[in-house]
Amino acid sequence: MKKVITSLFSDQNGVISMKRLCGLICTLTLCFVLIVNIYKPVIQLPSALIDSIALLAFGCLGLTSAEKIWEKQKKEDKVD
């Protein structure tokens, strides 16, 4: 189980990626806050705060995906 979790946060070189970790934390936090806010709307959250957390999560996870694509293209260019 530890290997699976470590591999989720590691890049191709086996190094822990802080972008993936930050993206996951932002996503989990956003989901938790929105679910709690549905059942107990005690505090009205500003939409700018929700949008910023969502954009941060999207940016972190999107950047790691983009890096994978660009790295594959660089390897293919070197081979050709």
Protein backbone atom coordinates (compact mmCIF):
# COMPACT_ATOMS: atom_id res chain seq x y z
CA MET A 1 0.00 0.00 0.00
CA LYS A 2 2.85 2.35 0.80
CA LYS A 3 4.39 1.76 -2.64
CA VAL A 4 1.10 2.60 -4.35
CA ILE A 5 0.71 5.87 -2.47
CA THR A 6 4.36 6.78 -3.04
CA SER A 7 4.05 6.06 -6.76
CA LEU A 8 1.02 8.37 -6.99
CA PHE A 9 3.07 11.31 -5.79
CA SER A 10 6.31 10.43 -7.59
CA ASP A 11 7.38 11.59 -11.02
CA GLN A 12 9.07 9.45 -13.67
CA ASN A 13 12.41 9.63 -11.84
CA GLY A 14 10.91 8.43 -8.53
CA VAL A 15 11.18 11.85 -6.85
CA ILE A 16 8.21 13.07 -4.82
CA SER A 17 6.41 15.79 -6.80
CA MET A 18 5.23 18.69 -4.67
CA LYS A 19 2.84 19.80 -7.42
CA ARG A 20 0.96 16.51 -7.20
CA LEU A 21 0.89 16.65 -3.42
CA CYS A 22 -0.32 20.26 -3.41
CA GLY A 23 -2.94 19.50 -6.06
CA LEU A 24 -4.28 16.56 -4.09
CA ILE A 25 -4.41 18.54 -0.84
CA CYS A 26 -6.24 21.40 -2.58
CA THR A 27 -8.71 19.02 -4.21
CA LEU A 28 -9.46 17.17 -0.98
CA THR A 29 -9.79 20.41 0.97
CA LEU A 30 -12.14 21.90 -1.61
CA CYS A 31 -14.31 18.77 -1.70
CA PHE A 32 -14.45 18.61 2.10
CA VAL A 33 -15.37 22.27 2.50
CA LEU A 34 -18.06 22.14 -0.18
CA ILE A 35 -19.63 18.98 1.24
CA VAL A 36 -19.67 20.42 4.77
CA ASN A 37 -21.10 23.66 3.41
CA ILE A 38 -23.97 21.76 1.74
CA TYR A 39 -25.12 20.18 4.99
CA LYS A 40 -24.22 22.98 7.41
CA PRO A 41 -24.23 26.33 5.62
CA VAL A 42 -23.17 28.24 8.73
CA ILE A 43 -20.59 30.35 6.93
CA GLN A 44 -21.12 31.63 3.41
CA LEU A 45 -17.80 31.12 1.63
CA PRO A 46 -16.70 33.80 -0.83
CA SER A 47 -16.77 32.53 -4.39
CA ALA A 48 -13.31 34.02 -5.01
CA LEU A 49 -11.86 31.72 -2.32
CA ILE A 50 -13.50 28.65 -3.83
CA ASP A 51 -12.38 29.65 -7.33
CA SER A 52 -8.80 30.24 -6.22
CA ILE A 53 -8.51 26.85 -4.53
CA ALA A 54 -10.05 25.14 -7.56
CA LEU A 55 -7.66 26.95 -9.93
CA LEU A 56 -4.68 26.07 -7.74
CA ALA A 57 -5.65 22.40 -7.74
CA PHE A 58 -6.26 22.45 -11.50
CA GLY A 59 -2.96 24.22 -12.09
CA CYS A 60 -0.92 21.85 -9.96
CA LEU A 61 -2.41 18.70 -11.43
CA GLY A 62 -2.48 20.14 -14.95
CA LEU A 63 1.19 21.11 -14.82
CA THR A 64 2.25 17.59 -13.93
CA SER A 65 0.23 16.24 -16.85
CA ALA A 66 1.75 18.79 -19.21
CA GLU A 67 5.25 17.90 -18.02
CA LYS A 68 4.63 14.23 -18.81
CA ILE A 69 3.47 15.09 -22.33
CA TRP A 70 6.41 17.42 -23.00
CA GLU A 71 8.90 14.90 -21.60
CA LYS A 72 7.57 12.17 -23.90
CA GLN A 73 7.85 14.53 -26.88
CA LYS A 74 11.44 15.41 -25.97
CA LYS A 75 12.36 11.73 -25.73
CA GLU A 76 10.74 11.02 -29.11
CA ASP A 77 12.59 13.96 -30.69
CA LYS A 78 15.93 12.67 -29.36
CA VAL A 79 15.26 9.19 -30.76
CA ASP A 80 14.39 10.49 -34.26
